[in-house]
Amino acid sequence: MNKKIIVFLVLAVLMIPTACLAAPEDYISTGLQEACEEEQIAFNHPDYKESEEKANIYLFRGSGCSHCYEFLTYLEAMTEEYGKYFNLISYEIWNHENNRQLYNRVAKKLGEKTGGVPYIVIGKHSWAGYSESLNEEIYEAIQEEYENKNKNDVVIQAVNYKKTFGVTDVLVTLGFLLMVFLIVYARRKTKVEEETIKE
């Protein structure tokens, strides 16, 4: 067997397990001001700053979604008085595949099925959809998460998710080992045939 072909096959097969264990793609997120600007909501809070001490509100949204717009309007309106308690991390999922995958992973971690947007996560609380009737619940969840010193952030866990070796990866690895074995076997067989011809 030609050495160039063998080298090419080995390199091609070596890339398969590497692809299986690749780190997740980057996600695109925006803060409260940027999300409001994207949805053309006036944001007039120059003193608003995001910080690690605040509660994180995660919003999975679609660009132009009317209920997402309503939720962002609610947050913008409460920023003056309560902005010291929360950060917003917004992931647009209609136009960003990686954000959509993150949304699916977060919902799965919370034991929920993915559906529409907005999907709101604050600490251990989540809401699929938004209406004004949720405002009190959302405010209480912000307060609870702000006061919680032992934060267990499901979204950060999902963002930092590393792929583990699964059934598909085991099959790919076995296929890789079989391919290497066949290449070595073919090479030895060719070598033996060449030596037999020389004799």
Protein backbone atom coordinates (compact mmCIF):
# COMPACT_ATOMS: atom_id res chain seq x y z
CA MET A 1 0.00 0.00 0.00
CA ASN A 2 1.32 3.44 -0.87
CA LYS A 3 2.88 5.24 2.14
CA LYS A 4 1.10 8.51 1.29
CA ILE A 5 -2.29 6.79 1.38
CA ILE A 6 -1.48 5.18 4.75
CA VAL A 7 -0.38 8.50 6.24
CA PHE A 8 -3.52 10.22 4.90
CA LEU A 9 -5.81 7.50 6.34
CA VAL A 10 -4.11 7.61 9.73
CA LEU A 11 -4.40 11.41 9.91
CA ALA A 12 -8.05 11.34 8.81
CA VAL A 13 -8.93 8.70 11.40
CA LEU A 14 -6.99 10.53 14.14
CA MET A 15 -9.19 13.59 13.59
CA ILE A 16 -12.42 11.70 14.38
CA PRO A 17 -11.91 11.27 18.17
CA THR A 18 -10.58 14.83 18.40
CA ALA A 19 -13.79 16.14 16.82
CA CYS A 20 -15.88 14.07 19.25
CA LEU A 21 -14.17 15.64 22.26
CA ALA A 22 -14.11 19.21 20.92
CA ALA A 23 -15.05 22.00 23.31
CA PRO A 24 -18.46 23.60 22.84
CA GLU A 25 -18.83 26.58 20.55
CA ASP A 26 -18.96 30.11 21.85
CA TYR A 27 -22.27 31.63 22.83
CA ILE A 28 -23.34 35.17 22.05
CA SER A 29 -24.89 37.03 24.96
CA THR A 30 -25.86 40.62 25.62
CA GLY A 31 -26.49 42.57 28.79
CA LEU A 32 -29.61 44.53 29.67
CA GLN A 33 -28.67 47.73 27.87
CA GLU A 34 -27.62 45.92 24.66
CA ALA A 35 -30.73 43.71 24.67
CA CYS A 36 -32.96 46.77 25.11
CA GLU A 37 -31.16 48.56 22.29
CA GLU A 38 -31.56 45.52 20.01
CA GLU A 39 -35.30 45.56 20.69
CA GLN A 40 -35.47 49.37 20.36
CA ILE A 41 -36.41 49.95 23.99
CA ALA A 42 -35.12 53.24 25.41
CA PHE A 43 -32.59 52.57 28.20
CA ASN A 44 -31.96 55.64 30.35
CA HIS A 45 -29.95 54.30 33.30
CA PRO A 46 -26.34 55.50 33.02
CA ASP A 47 -25.56 54.31 36.58
CA TYR A 48 -26.63 50.72 35.91
CA LYS A 49 -23.64 48.40 36.19
CA GLU A 50 -23.42 44.64 36.05
CA SER A 51 -21.46 42.85 38.79
CA GLU A 52 -20.84 39.38 40.21
CA GLU A 53 -22.63 40.20 43.48
CA LYS A 54 -25.97 40.62 41.72
CA ALA A 55 -28.51 37.95 40.81
CA ASN A 56 -28.25 36.75 37.23
CA ILE A 57 -31.40 36.81 35.15
CA TYR A 58 -31.00 34.67 32.04
CA LEU A 59 -33.26 35.43 29.13
CA PHE A 60 -33.44 33.15 26.10
CA ARG A 61 -35.26 35.22 23.52
CA GLY A 62 -36.04 35.67 19.87
CA SER A 63 -35.32 38.91 18.05
CA GLY A 64 -38.66 40.65 17.53
CA CYS A 65 -40.59 38.35 19.92
CA SER A 66 -43.41 40.43 21.45
CA HIS A 67 -43.37 38.67 24.85
CA CYS A 68 -39.57 39.02 25.04
CA TYR A 69 -40.05 42.72 24.33
CA GLU A 70 -42.61 42.96 27.16
CA PHE A 71 -40.24 41.25 29.61
CA LEU A 72 -37.34 43.53 28.64
CA THR A 73 -39.65 46.54 29.05
CA TYR A 74 -40.55 45.31 32.55
CA LEU A 75 -36.85 44.93 33.48
CA GLU A 76 -35.97 48.33 32.04
CA ALA A 77 -38.79 49.94 34.07
CA MET A 78 -37.62 48.36 37.33
CA THR A 79 -33.91 49.13 36.75
CA GLU A 80 -34.06 52.57 38.38
CA GLU A 81 -35.17 51.18 41.74
CA TYR A 82 -34.06 47.53 41.63
CA GLY A 83 -31.19 47.46 39.12
CA LYS A 84 -28.74 47.12 42.02
CA TYR A 85 -30.04 43.57 42.55
CA PHE A 86 -29.78 42.01 39.09
CA ASN A 87 -27.78 41.46 35.91
CA LEU A 88 -29.39 40.39 32.67
CA ILE A 89 -27.66 37.89 30.41
CA SER A 90 -29.65 37.56 27.21
CA TYR A 91 -29.20 34.85 24.57
CA GLU A 92 -30.93 35.36 21.22
CA ILE A 93 -31.80 31.84 19.97
CA TRP A 94 -33.67 32.35 16.70
CA ASN A 95 -30.58 33.46 14.80
CA HIS A 96 -27.80 31.77 16.78
CA GLU A 97 -27.60 27.97 16.68
CA ASN A 98 -25.12 27.71 19.57
CA ASN A 99 -27.41 29.80 21.78
CA ARG A 100 -30.30 27.50 20.84
CA GLN A 101 -28.23 24.48 21.90
CA LEU A 102 -27.46 26.18 25.22
CA TYR A 103 -31.18 26.87 25.70
CA ASN A 104 -31.95 23.17 25.13
CA ARG A 105 -29.22 22.10 27.56
CA VAL A 106 -30.41 24.50 30.29
CA ALA A 107 -34.04 23.41 29.95
CA LYS A 108 -32.97 19.76 30.11
CA LYS A 109 -30.91 20.42 33.27
CA LEU A 110 -33.99 22.00 34.83
CA GLY A 111 -36.14 19.01 33.81
CA GLU A 112 -38.22 20.99 31.36
CA LYS A 113 -39.04 20.68 27.68
CA THR A 114 -37.99 23.43 25.36
CA GLY A 115 -40.73 25.40 23.77
CA GLY A 116 -41.04 28.99 22.80
CA VAL A 117 -39.49 32.18 24.04
CA PRO A 118 -38.98 33.97 26.29
CA TYR A 119 -37.45 31.41 28.57
CA ILE A 120 -36.36 33.05 31.82
CA VAL A 121 -34.05 31.50 34.42
CA ILE A 122 -33.25 33.02 37.83
CA GLY A 123 -31.41 30.67 40.19
CA LYS A 124 -33.51 27.52 40.54
CA HIS A 125 -36.60 29.21 39.09
CA SER A 126 -37.59 29.26 35.44
CA TRP A 127 -40.52 30.43 33.35
CA ALA A 128 -41.48 29.48 29.81
CA GLY A 129 -43.20 32.57 28.49
CA TYR A 130 -43.95 35.88 30.13
CA SER A 131 -46.95 37.90 31.20
CA GLU A 132 -47.41 40.70 33.75
CA SER A 133 -48.97 38.19 36.15
CA LEU A 134 -45.43 36.76 36.69
CA ASN A 135 -43.89 40.07 37.80
CA GLU A 136 -44.22 39.38 41.53
CA GLU A 137 -42.77 35.85 41.20
CA ILE A 138 -39.87 37.15 39.13
CA TYR A 139 -39.15 39.95 41.61
CA GLU A 140 -39.16 37.46 44.52
CA ALA A 141 -36.83 35.12 42.61
CA ILE A 142 -34.42 38.04 42.00
CA GLN A 143 -34.43 38.88 45.73
CA GLU A 144 -33.94 35.22 46.69
CA GLU A 145 -31.03 34.76 44.27
CA TYR A 146 -29.45 38.08 45.29
CA GLU A 147 -29.45 37.00 48.96
CA ASN A 148 -28.32 33.44 48.17
CA LYS A 149 -24.64 33.03 49.07
CA ASN A 150 -24.38 29.46 47.69
CA LYS A 151 -25.31 30.12 44.09
CA ASN A 152 -25.76 27.01 41.95
CA ASP A 153 -25.95 28.59 38.51
CA VAL A 154 -27.44 26.09 36.06
CA VAL A 155 -26.74 28.29 33.04
CA ILE A 156 -23.06 28.73 33.91
CA GLN A 157 -22.82 24.94 34.31
CA ALA A 158 -24.37 24.52 30.87
CA VAL A 159 -22.05 27.14 29.34
CA ASN A 160 -19.03 25.34 30.83
CA TYR A 161 -20.36 21.96 29.68
CA LYS A 162 -17.68 19.66 28.32
CA LYS A 163 -18.69 16.75 26.19
CA THR A 164 -18.10 13.40 27.85
CA PHE A 165 -17.31 10.14 26.15
CA GLY A 166 -20.63 8.63 25.04
CA VAL A 167 -21.72 5.54 23.07
CA THR A 168 -21.08 7.24 19.74
CA ASP A 169 -17.59 8.19 20.86
CA VAL A 170 -16.86 4.60 21.94
CA LEU A 171 -17.99 3.30 18.52
CA VAL A 172 -15.89 5.92 16.74
CA THR A 173 -12.85 5.00 18.84
CA LEU A 174 -13.36 1.28 18.12
CA GLY A 175 -13.66 2.12 14.43
CA PHE A 176 -10.46 4.11 14.71
CA LEU A 177 -8.62 1.18 16.35
CA LEU A 178 -9.96 -1.23 13.73
CA MET A 179 -8.78 1.08 10.96
CA VAL A 180 -5.30 1.31 12.50
CA PHE A 181 -5.20 -2.48 12.84
CA LEU A 182 -6.21 -2.94 9.19
CA ILE A 183 -3.59 -0.45 8.03
CA VAL A 184 -0.85 -2.17 10.05
CA TYR A 185 -2.03 -5.60 8.86
CA ALA A 186 -2.10 -4.47 5.19
CA ARG A 187 1.35 -2.93 5.55
CA ARG A 188 2.82 -6.12 7.05
CA LYS A 189 1.16 -8.30 4.44
CA THR A 190 2.59 -6.11 1.67
CA LYS A 191 6.03 -6.29 3.27
CA VAL A 192 5.87 -10.12 3.52
CA GLU A 193 4.79 -10.36 -0.14
CA GLU A 194 7.67 -8.10 -1.20
CA GLU A 195 10.17 -10.23 0.74
CA THR A 196 8.75 -13.44 -0.80
CA ILE A 197 9.12 -12.01 -4.31
CA LYS A 198 12.74 -10.99 -3.61
CA GLU A 199 13.62 -14.56 -2.55
